[in-house]
Every structure is written in C-alpha cells, then in structure tokens.
Amino acid sequence: MLEALVCPRTGGALVYDPVRQELISRAAGLAFPIRNGIPIMLEDEARKID
C-alpha cells in the first residue's frame, strides 16, 4: 500500500515510521500521522521535521 501513497506537497516517496505511526516525506520535511490505520495526508495535520 505504501507504494501507492506519495507526498501531497512534492509527489515524492514516503517512508513509514512504525514507532511514531507516521509517513515521512524527507523532501518536504513533513511527517503525516496515521490514525486508526488511516494515513492523514493533509499538510495542516503534518508535523514539521528537520
């Protein structure tokens, strides 16, 4: 399933972080949360990362 998802900002690949339950977009510097098994792919909901 992860192969079908892309970053909404860059269109780039995402990396799954099972510990934090997030999908990471390194290109955008954002971490998108996964809630109840559903990825929340909204930039307003994403956490900024370094």
Protein backbone atom coordinates (compact mmCIF):
# COMPACT_ATOMS: atom_id res chain seq x y z
CA MET A 1 0.00 0.00 0.00
CA LEU A 2 2.85 2.40 0.79
CA GLU A 3 3.95 2.33 -2.84
CA ALA A 4 0.62 3.88 -3.87
CA LEU A 5 0.94 6.86 -1.49
CA VAL A 6 3.01 9.95 -2.27
CA CYS A 7 3.66 13.22 -0.51
CA PRO A 8 0.89 15.71 -1.34
CA ARG A 9 3.40 18.58 -1.46
CA THR A 10 6.23 17.09 -3.51
CA GLY A 11 4.75 13.97 -5.09
CA GLY A 12 7.77 12.12 -3.72
CA ALA A 13 8.16 8.88 -1.83
CA LEU A 14 7.15 8.37 1.80
CA VAL A 15 8.89 6.32 4.48
CA TYR A 16 6.84 4.51 7.14
CA ASP A 17 7.86 5.03 10.77
CA PRO A 18 6.15 2.23 12.75
CA VAL A 19 7.19 3.59 16.15
CA ARG A 20 5.60 7.02 15.66
CA GLN A 21 2.87 5.78 13.29
CA GLU A 22 3.77 8.35 10.65
CA LEU A 23 4.59 8.57 6.97
CA ILE A 24 7.71 10.69 6.48
CA SER A 25 8.37 12.89 3.48
CA ARG A 26 12.04 13.79 3.67
CA ALA A 27 11.79 16.02 0.60
CA ALA A 28 9.06 18.16 2.19
CA GLY A 29 10.32 17.86 5.75
CA LEU A 30 6.92 16.65 6.93
CA ALA A 31 5.59 13.68 8.90
CA PHE A 32 1.99 12.71 8.20
CA PRO A 33 0.18 10.93 11.06
CA ILE A 34 -1.57 7.59 10.79
CA ARG A 35 -4.72 7.48 12.94
CA ASN A 36 -6.69 4.28 13.41
CA GLY A 37 -4.79 2.79 10.48
CA ILE A 38 -5.66 5.68 8.13
CA PRO A 39 -2.92 7.99 6.82
CA ILE A 40 -3.89 11.65 7.20
CA MET A 41 -2.32 13.22 4.13
CA LEU A 42 -3.21 16.84 4.88
CA GLU A 43 -0.39 19.36 5.19
CA ASP A 44 -2.24 21.09 8.03
CA GLU A 45 -2.12 17.86 10.04
CA ALA A 46 1.55 17.09 9.28
CA ARG A 47 4.37 17.61 11.75
CA LYS A 48 7.45 19.50 10.56
CA ILE A 49 10.69 17.58 10.82
CA ASP A 50 14.34 18.56 10.48
